[in-house]
Amino acid sequence: MNRRIKNGIIFVVVVTLLVGVFSVYLNWKHHQSYSQHQLPKISENAQSKEKANYYTVMKDNAVDPKIDAYLKGKGFNGTITIFHKGQLIMDKAYGYQNFEENKKNTPNSMYLIGSSQKFTTGLLLKQLESEGKININDRLDKYLPWFKTEQPLYLKDLMLHRSGLKKFTGSNTAHSNEDVARELQRAGIQPGKYHKHQYNDGNYIILSDVIQKVTHKSFDQYFDEKLKNPNQLYRTAFYNETQYQPFMAQGYNAEKQPMTLKFMDHYYGAGNLFMSTRDMAKLIANLQENKILSPKDTEGLLYELHTPTYNEPYRYGFYSYDNGSRVNGMFFGHQMTSYFNKDYIVVMGTNYQYPKYVNEHYMKDIFVKQLHQPDPTKKSRVI
């Protein structure tokens, strides 16, 4: 009996030791696997930081000095990026990213792009269309079944700002894009506004929620996967990505008082993205070069006008006439404006301007008078 007990004790001890040794081995393997998995990410992050150091570029001796002198003479506060025939020829910053800290703008400065974000949301929509995952002519409640309204709403109504939903300017009770969508659904279509154009941030916030439901990913994650990473947008980030804060410009009102950001947590798809001007220009250049959409989809999006698909200049978050396109956004003291055609891409970002809207006045002077391009805010002929 004693012998059996002794053997049993020995057996238990041996098993315990084996389990312990095996556990240590598994833990070691897990640590090795984890470490090896992390190494490439560290390397990639270091490489990304190196590539992300944007420097001043002045390549066109005939054009750039004149534009530089013009902007200095106007006291421009911001950054300008110019591409010509797909090549970067100018990227220069002026003034201050933060007046209180005496911190100057650089080509790395990132501006809150406001409604220019609708352009990026529109690109995500077009990609999903091309993949057969959505149809712009589908009813909204196909994707958000709870979004019931008295008159039927279609994705195209939201994209073209003709939903008739209550105009959205921020909410103290919403904390996500879905919260905004539900608030607008409860408010319903406004009397006399159905299928009439009314520019409304809420339309694109709802579309960002549709994108989330279709892709089963958060909007910021999907944006990074489909646009930010493939296009190497090293100075592009959402408002709450703290690692980019050293590059995010402070916005100011006309009296040069700093403005505090509000409602950012529910402005996905319509205004909570920061970008450098070079990143926006790079994104547009890649679109023109068919790196984001198919050649057929790109041609239609950028150049069709008065067709069944593109019946008006506004489409997918921007304006396109037969002689050029315009992307614009203004939010909390920031403005980013882009004019582009087949020859030139010009992007200007500012975090302070006086008087209001003068940034686009500078843009038009540069694009039309100095680069001698047709005004992309006007159609050149009747079609």
Protein backbone atom coordinates (compact mmCIF):
# COMPACT_ATOMS: atom_id res chain seq x y z
CA MET A 1 0.00 0.00 0.00
CA ASN A 2 2.84 2.37 0.96
CA ARG A 3 4.61 1.46 -2.24
CA ARG A 4 1.51 2.31 -4.29
CA ILE A 5 1.20 5.65 -2.54
CA LYS A 6 4.87 6.38 -3.12
CA ASN A 7 4.56 5.51 -6.83
CA GLY A 8 1.48 7.69 -7.10
CA ILE A 9 3.26 10.63 -5.55
CA ILE A 10 6.21 10.16 -7.90
CA PHE A 11 3.84 10.02 -10.87
CA VAL A 12 2.09 13.25 -9.83
CA VAL A 13 5.42 15.02 -9.34
CA VAL A 14 6.70 13.89 -12.74
CA VAL A 15 3.51 14.96 -14.50
CA THR A 16 3.60 18.33 -12.72
CA LEU A 17 7.20 18.87 -13.79
CA LEU A 18 6.40 17.94 -17.38
CA VAL A 19 3.42 20.30 -17.47
CA GLY A 20 5.58 23.07 -16.02
CA VAL A 21 8.37 22.53 -18.52
CA PHE A 22 5.88 22.38 -21.41
CA SER A 23 4.20 25.60 -20.24
CA VAL A 24 7.55 27.38 -20.07
CA TYR A 25 8.34 26.12 -23.57
CA LEU A 26 5.00 27.33 -24.96
CA ASN A 27 5.47 30.72 -23.32
CA TRP A 28 8.97 30.97 -24.83
CA LYS A 29 7.66 30.04 -28.28
CA HIS A 30 4.85 32.59 -27.97
CA HIS A 31 7.34 35.27 -26.96
CA GLN A 32 9.59 34.42 -29.89
CA SER A 33 6.68 34.38 -32.31
CA TYR A 34 5.35 37.69 -30.95
CA SER A 35 8.78 39.31 -31.12
CA GLN A 36 9.34 38.15 -34.69
CA HIS A 37 5.87 39.37 -35.64
CA GLN A 38 6.57 42.79 -34.14
CA LEU A 39 9.98 43.33 -35.76
CA PRO A 40 8.70 44.05 -39.29
CA LYS A 41 6.14 46.51 -37.91
CA ILE A 42 8.84 48.43 -36.08
CA SER A 43 10.92 48.46 -39.24
CA GLU A 44 7.97 49.60 -41.34
CA ASN A 45 7.12 52.34 -38.87
CA ALA A 46 10.69 53.60 -38.92
CA GLN A 47 10.68 53.49 -42.71
CA SER A 48 7.35 55.35 -42.84
CA LYS A 49 8.68 58.08 -40.55
CA GLU A 50 11.71 58.48 -42.79
CA LYS A 51 9.58 58.75 -45.92
CA ALA A 52 7.18 61.11 -44.17
CA ASN A 53 9.71 63.89 -43.80
CA TYR A 54 8.37 66.24 -46.45
CA TYR A 55 10.78 68.97 -47.45
CA THR A 56 10.35 72.24 -49.33
CA VAL A 57 10.31 71.74 -53.10
CA MET A 58 10.87 74.48 -55.71
CA LYS A 59 11.59 72.90 -59.11
CA ASP A 60 10.04 75.19 -61.72
CA ASN A 61 12.28 78.24 -62.12
CA ALA A 62 9.76 79.91 -64.42
CA VAL A 63 6.66 79.54 -62.24
CA ASP A 64 7.52 78.82 -58.62
CA PRO A 65 9.38 82.08 -57.78
CA LYS A 66 6.44 84.15 -59.04
CA ILE A 67 3.95 82.17 -56.96
CA ASP A 68 6.28 82.33 -53.97
CA ALA A 69 6.56 86.11 -54.26
CA TYR A 70 2.79 86.42 -54.69
CA LEU A 71 2.01 84.42 -51.52
CA LYS A 72 4.64 86.25 -49.48
CA GLY A 73 3.19 89.55 -50.64
CA LYS A 74 -0.30 88.47 -49.58
CA GLY A 75 0.87 87.31 -46.15
CA PHE A 76 -0.45 83.80 -46.84
CA ASN A 77 -0.44 81.51 -43.80
CA GLY A 78 -0.41 77.87 -44.86
CA THR A 79 1.06 75.45 -47.40
CA ILE A 80 0.83 75.14 -51.17
CA THR A 81 1.58 72.04 -53.25
CA ILE A 82 1.68 71.98 -57.06
CA PHE A 83 1.92 68.98 -59.37
CA HIS A 84 2.52 69.47 -63.11
CA LYS A 85 1.93 66.53 -65.45
CA GLY A 86 2.04 64.19 -62.45
CA GLN A 87 5.32 65.57 -61.06
CA LEU A 88 5.76 67.53 -57.83
CA ILE A 89 7.18 70.95 -58.71
CA MET A 90 6.38 73.03 -55.63
CA ASP A 91 5.69 72.33 -51.96
CA LYS A 92 6.24 75.26 -49.64
CA ALA A 93 4.87 76.49 -46.32
CA TYR A 94 4.33 80.02 -45.01
CA GLY A 95 3.51 81.55 -41.67
CA TYR A 96 2.71 79.69 -38.49
CA GLN A 97 1.27 76.32 -37.56
CA ASN A 98 0.77 77.66 -34.03
CA PHE A 99 1.09 81.38 -33.29
CA GLU A 100 1.17 80.99 -29.49
CA GLU A 101 4.08 78.55 -29.67
CA ASN A 102 5.82 80.49 -32.45
CA LYS A 103 5.83 77.22 -34.43
CA LYS A 104 6.14 77.70 -38.17
CA ASN A 105 4.26 75.83 -40.87
CA THR A 106 6.25 73.27 -42.87
CA PRO A 107 5.38 70.93 -45.75
CA ASN A 108 4.56 68.42 -42.99
CA SER A 109 1.85 70.64 -41.50
CA MET A 110 -1.54 68.96 -41.47
CA TYR A 111 -4.79 70.90 -41.81
CA LEU A 112 -8.33 69.94 -40.84
CA ILE A 113 -9.75 69.46 -44.33
CA GLY A 114 -13.44 69.84 -43.44
CA SER A 115 -15.75 69.09 -46.34
CA SER A 116 -12.82 68.06 -48.53
CA GLN A 117 -13.16 64.79 -46.62
CA LYS A 118 -16.37 64.16 -48.55
CA PHE A 119 -14.16 63.72 -51.62
CA THR A 120 -12.31 60.86 -49.92
CA THR A 121 -15.61 59.36 -48.74
CA GLY A 122 -16.84 59.56 -52.33
CA LEU A 123 -13.78 57.61 -53.51
CA LEU A 124 -14.54 54.86 -50.99
CA LEU A 125 -18.13 54.73 -52.27
CA LYS A 126 -16.97 54.44 -55.89
CA GLN A 127 -14.60 51.63 -54.96
CA LEU A 128 -17.40 49.73 -53.22
CA GLU A 129 -19.59 50.25 -56.27
CA SER A 130 -16.92 48.88 -58.58
CA GLU A 131 -16.59 45.84 -56.29
CA GLY A 132 -20.34 45.24 -56.46
CA LYS A 133 -20.77 45.73 -52.71
CA ILE A 134 -23.14 48.68 -52.98
CA ASN A 135 -25.35 50.25 -55.62
CA ILE A 136 -25.66 54.02 -55.48
CA ASN A 137 -29.27 53.67 -56.70
CA ASP A 138 -30.27 51.37 -53.82
CA ARG A 139 -32.56 52.51 -51.05
CA LEU A 140 -30.79 53.60 -47.89
CA ASP A 141 -32.79 51.20 -45.72
CA LYS A 142 -31.29 48.26 -47.60
CA TYR A 143 -28.05 49.01 -45.75
CA LEU A 144 -29.48 50.66 -42.63
CA PRO A 145 -32.82 48.82 -42.14
CA TRP A 146 -33.85 51.08 -39.26
CA PHE A 147 -33.54 54.25 -41.38
CA LYS A 148 -37.22 54.57 -42.30
CA THR A 149 -38.55 57.85 -43.70
CA GLU A 150 -41.88 59.02 -45.06
CA GLN A 151 -40.47 59.26 -48.58
CA PRO A 152 -37.90 56.73 -49.79
CA LEU A 153 -34.26 57.77 -49.60
CA TYR A 154 -31.57 56.40 -51.89
CA LEU A 155 -27.79 56.45 -51.49
CA LYS A 156 -27.63 58.78 -54.47
CA ASP A 157 -29.86 61.27 -52.64
CA LEU A 158 -27.29 61.47 -49.86
CA MET A 159 -24.34 61.65 -52.25
CA LEU A 160 -25.93 64.56 -54.18
CA HIS A 161 -27.22 66.39 -51.06
CA ARG A 162 -30.87 66.08 -52.06
CA SER A 163 -32.13 63.93 -49.18
CA GLY A 164 -34.11 66.74 -47.57
CA LEU A 165 -32.94 65.63 -44.14
CA LYS A 166 -32.47 68.19 -41.38
CA LYS A 167 -29.31 70.23 -41.92
CA PHE A 168 -26.67 68.93 -39.52
CA THR A 169 -24.24 71.27 -37.79
CA GLY A 170 -23.09 69.14 -34.87
CA SER A 171 -24.77 67.51 -31.89
CA ASN A 172 -24.08 67.57 -28.15
CA THR A 173 -25.70 64.16 -27.73
CA ALA A 174 -24.12 62.23 -30.63
CA HIS A 175 -20.78 60.48 -30.15
CA SER A 176 -20.50 58.45 -33.35
CA ASN A 177 -21.55 58.60 -36.98
CA GLU A 178 -24.31 56.08 -36.24
CA ASP A 179 -25.62 58.36 -33.48
CA VAL A 180 -25.87 61.16 -36.05
CA ALA A 181 -27.64 58.90 -38.54
CA ARG A 182 -30.21 57.88 -35.92
CA GLU A 183 -30.81 61.49 -34.86
CA LEU A 184 -31.40 62.52 -38.47
CA GLN A 185 -33.69 59.56 -39.05
CA ARG A 186 -35.80 60.57 -36.06
CA ALA A 187 -35.97 64.19 -37.30
CA GLY A 188 -37.16 62.94 -40.69
CA ILE A 189 -37.32 64.70 -44.04
CA GLN A 190 -37.97 68.42 -43.73
CA PRO A 191 -41.14 69.86 -45.33
CA GLY A 192 -40.58 71.01 -48.89
CA LYS A 193 -36.94 69.80 -48.98
CA TYR A 194 -37.27 66.30 -50.42
CA HIS A 195 -35.21 65.89 -53.62
CA LYS A 196 -34.12 69.53 -53.48
CA HIS A 197 -30.44 70.40 -53.23
CA GLN A 198 -29.39 71.37 -49.71
CA TYR A 199 -25.74 70.93 -48.80
CA ASN A 200 -25.68 68.89 -45.60
CA ASP A 201 -22.77 67.34 -43.70
CA GLY A 202 -25.23 64.81 -42.31
CA ASN A 203 -25.62 63.14 -45.70
CA TYR A 204 -21.97 62.07 -45.81
CA ILE A 205 -21.88 61.14 -42.13
CA ILE A 206 -24.74 58.72 -42.87
CA LEU A 207 -22.82 57.40 -45.89
CA SER A 208 -19.82 56.76 -43.64
CA ASP A 209 -22.08 54.61 -41.47
CA VAL A 210 -23.26 52.74 -44.57
CA ILE A 211 -19.61 52.05 -45.43
CA GLN A 212 -19.07 50.66 -41.93
CA LYS A 213 -22.05 48.33 -42.17
CA VAL A 214 -21.07 47.04 -45.63
CA THR A 215 -17.39 46.48 -44.82
CA HIS A 216 -17.84 45.37 -41.18
CA LYS A 217 -14.99 47.70 -40.25
CA SER A 218 -14.76 51.06 -38.54
CA PHE A 219 -14.68 53.96 -40.97
CA ASP A 220 -11.18 55.06 -39.98
CA GLN A 221 -9.82 51.52 -40.31
CA TYR A 222 -11.37 51.10 -43.75
CA PHE A 223 -10.09 54.51 -44.88
CA ASP A 224 -6.56 53.56 -43.85
CA GLU A 225 -6.75 50.21 -45.66
CA LYS A 226 -8.20 51.51 -48.92
CA LEU A 227 -6.82 55.04 -49.29
CA LYS A 228 -4.20 56.08 -46.74
CA ASN A 229 -1.86 53.09 -46.88
CA PRO A 230 -2.06 52.22 -50.62
CA ASN A 231 -1.43 55.86 -51.57
CA GLN A 232 1.35 56.40 -49.02
CA LEU A 233 -0.35 59.33 -47.33
CA TYR A 234 2.24 59.81 -44.59
CA ARG A 235 0.78 63.05 -43.27
CA THR A 236 -2.89 62.09 -43.10
CA ALA A 237 -4.72 61.17 -39.90
CA PHE A 238 -8.00 61.42 -38.06
CA TYR A 239 -8.36 64.05 -35.35
CA ASN A 240 -7.68 61.60 -32.47
CA GLU A 241 -4.48 59.97 -33.76
CA THR A 242 -2.19 61.42 -31.13
CA GLN A 243 1.09 60.45 -32.82
CA TYR A 244 0.32 63.02 -35.53
CA GLN A 245 -0.49 65.91 -33.18
CA PRO A 246 2.94 67.58 -33.59
CA PHE A 247 2.02 68.15 -37.25
CA MET A 248 -1.63 69.18 -36.79
CA ALA A 249 -2.03 72.93 -37.26
CA GLN A 250 -4.02 75.02 -34.82
CA GLY A 251 -6.96 76.76 -36.47
CA TYR A 252 -7.69 80.45 -35.88
CA ASN A 253 -10.60 82.81 -36.41
CA ALA A 254 -10.35 86.16 -38.17
CA GLU A 255 -9.14 87.82 -34.94
CA LYS A 256 -6.32 85.25 -34.76
CA GLN A 257 -7.87 83.60 -31.72
CA PRO A 258 -7.39 79.81 -31.49
CA MET A 259 -10.50 77.77 -32.23
CA THR A 260 -11.42 74.67 -30.23
CA LEU A 261 -12.47 71.60 -32.20
CA LYS A 262 -15.98 70.31 -31.48
CA PHE A 263 -18.07 67.34 -32.64
CA MET A 264 -15.07 65.51 -34.09
CA ASP A 265 -16.14 62.10 -32.73
CA HIS A 266 -19.20 62.01 -34.98
CA TYR A 267 -17.94 63.81 -38.10
CA TYR A 268 -16.51 60.72 -39.80
CA GLY A 269 -16.86 60.97 -43.56
CA ALA A 270 -17.52 64.70 -43.52
CA GLY A 271 -14.91 66.69 -41.62
CA ASN A 272 -12.66 65.10 -38.97
CA LEU A 273 -9.61 64.29 -41.13
CA PHE A 274 -6.28 66.14 -41.12
CA MET A 275 -4.07 66.13 -44.23
CA SER A 276 -0.98 67.83 -45.57
CA THR A 277 -1.41 69.54 -48.92
CA ARG A 278 1.11 67.15 -50.46
CA ASP A 279 -0.96 64.14 -49.41
CA MET A 280 -4.12 65.60 -50.95
CA ALA A 281 -2.25 66.40 -54.17
CA LYS A 282 -0.76 62.91 -54.20
CA LEU A 283 -4.21 61.35 -53.75
CA ILE A 284 -5.61 63.38 -56.66
CA ALA A 285 -2.62 62.49 -58.86
CA ASN A 286 -3.09 58.79 -58.13
CA LEU A 287 -6.78 59.10 -58.97
CA GLN A 288 -5.92 60.69 -62.31
CA GLU A 289 -3.43 57.89 -63.00
CA ASN A 290 -6.11 55.19 -62.46
CA LYS A 291 -4.46 53.92 -59.28
CA ILE A 292 -7.63 54.23 -57.21
CA LEU A 293 -10.40 53.40 -59.68
CA SER A 294 -10.53 51.70 -63.07
CA PRO A 295 -9.79 53.88 -66.13
CA LYS A 296 -13.47 53.81 -67.07
CA ASP A 297 -14.66 54.83 -63.60
CA THR A 298 -11.98 57.51 -63.34
CA GLU A 299 -12.87 59.00 -66.73
CA GLY A 300 -16.53 59.24 -65.83
CA LEU A 301 -15.95 60.62 -62.36
CA LEU A 302 -13.55 63.36 -63.46
CA TYR A 303 -14.72 64.34 -66.93
CA GLU A 304 -18.37 63.41 -67.59
CA LEU A 305 -20.98 66.13 -67.34
CA HIS A 306 -24.68 66.19 -68.24
CA THR A 307 -24.91 62.41 -68.68
CA PRO A 308 -27.41 60.09 -66.98
CA THR A 309 -24.72 59.07 -64.47
CA TYR A 310 -23.26 62.54 -63.90
CA ASN A 311 -26.03 65.01 -64.55
CA GLU A 312 -24.53 67.89 -62.57
CA PRO A 313 -21.09 69.22 -61.59
CA TYR A 314 -21.33 68.02 -57.98
CA ARG A 315 -20.63 64.31 -57.52
CA TYR A 316 -19.08 62.12 -54.81
CA GLY A 317 -17.97 65.01 -52.61
CA PHE A 318 -16.50 67.42 -55.18
CA TYR A 319 -17.29 69.53 -58.25
CA SER A 320 -16.20 68.63 -61.77
CA TYR A 321 -16.80 70.67 -64.88
CA ASP A 322 -15.55 69.83 -68.35
CA ASN A 323 -12.35 71.84 -67.82
CA GLY A 324 -11.32 70.93 -64.29
CA SER A 325 -12.36 69.99 -60.78
CA ARG A 326 -12.63 71.61 -57.37
CA VAL A 327 -12.46 70.12 -53.86
CA ASN A 328 -13.00 72.45 -50.91
CA GLY A 329 -13.53 72.34 -47.17
CA MET A 330 -13.55 74.82 -44.30
CA PHE A 331 -13.83 73.93 -40.60
CA PHE A 332 -12.74 75.55 -37.33
CA GLY A 333 -10.39 78.09 -38.88
CA HIS A 334 -8.89 75.70 -41.43
CA GLN A 335 -9.49 75.61 -45.17
CA MET A 336 -8.17 73.23 -47.80
CA THR A 337 -8.89 73.93 -51.46
CA SER A 338 -7.83 71.89 -54.49
CA TYR A 339 -8.08 72.85 -58.16
CA PHE A 340 -6.99 70.35 -60.77
CA ASN A 341 -7.16 69.34 -64.42
CA LYS A 342 -5.10 67.08 -66.70
CA ASP A 343 -2.10 69.43 -66.51
CA TYR A 344 -2.00 70.86 -63.00
CA ILE A 345 -2.96 69.96 -59.45
CA VAL A 346 -2.81 72.82 -56.96
CA VAL A 347 -3.69 72.32 -53.28
CA MET A 348 -3.67 75.10 -50.70
CA GLY A 349 -4.22 74.61 -46.98
CA THR A 350 -4.48 77.34 -44.36
CA ASN A 351 -5.11 77.54 -40.62
CA TYR A 352 -5.58 81.31 -40.57
CA GLN A 353 -6.98 83.72 -43.15
CA TYR A 354 -8.35 87.21 -43.12
CA PRO A 355 -10.73 88.08 -44.55
CA LYS A 356 -12.70 84.84 -44.67
CA TYR A 357 -12.58 82.89 -47.95
CA VAL A 358 -9.46 84.74 -49.15
CA ASN A 359 -7.62 81.41 -49.44
CA GLU A 360 -9.68 80.49 -52.49
CA HIS A 361 -9.16 83.95 -53.95
CA TYR A 362 -5.40 83.30 -53.81
CA MET A 363 -5.96 79.88 -55.32
CA LYS A 364 -7.89 81.30 -58.26
CA ASP A 365 -5.24 83.95 -58.91
CA ILE A 366 -2.53 81.30 -58.99
CA PHE A 367 -4.40 78.69 -61.02
CA VAL A 368 -5.99 81.01 -63.58
CA LYS A 369 -3.72 84.05 -63.80
CA GLN A 370 -0.28 82.60 -63.10
CA LEU A 371 -0.58 79.02 -64.36
CA HIS A 372 -2.92 80.15 -67.18
CA GLN A 373 -5.43 77.36 -66.60
CA PRO A 374 -9.20 77.59 -67.20
CA ASP A 375 -11.25 78.36 -64.11
CA PRO A 376 -12.35 74.94 -62.76
CA THR A 377 -15.34 76.47 -61.00
CA LYS A 378 -16.99 77.36 -64.30
CA LYS A 379 -17.94 75.29 -67.31
CA SER A 380 -16.19 76.38 -70.49
CA ARG A 381 -18.99 75.57 -72.86
CA VAL A 382 -22.66 74.65 -73.01
CA ILE A 383 -23.08 70.93 -73.57
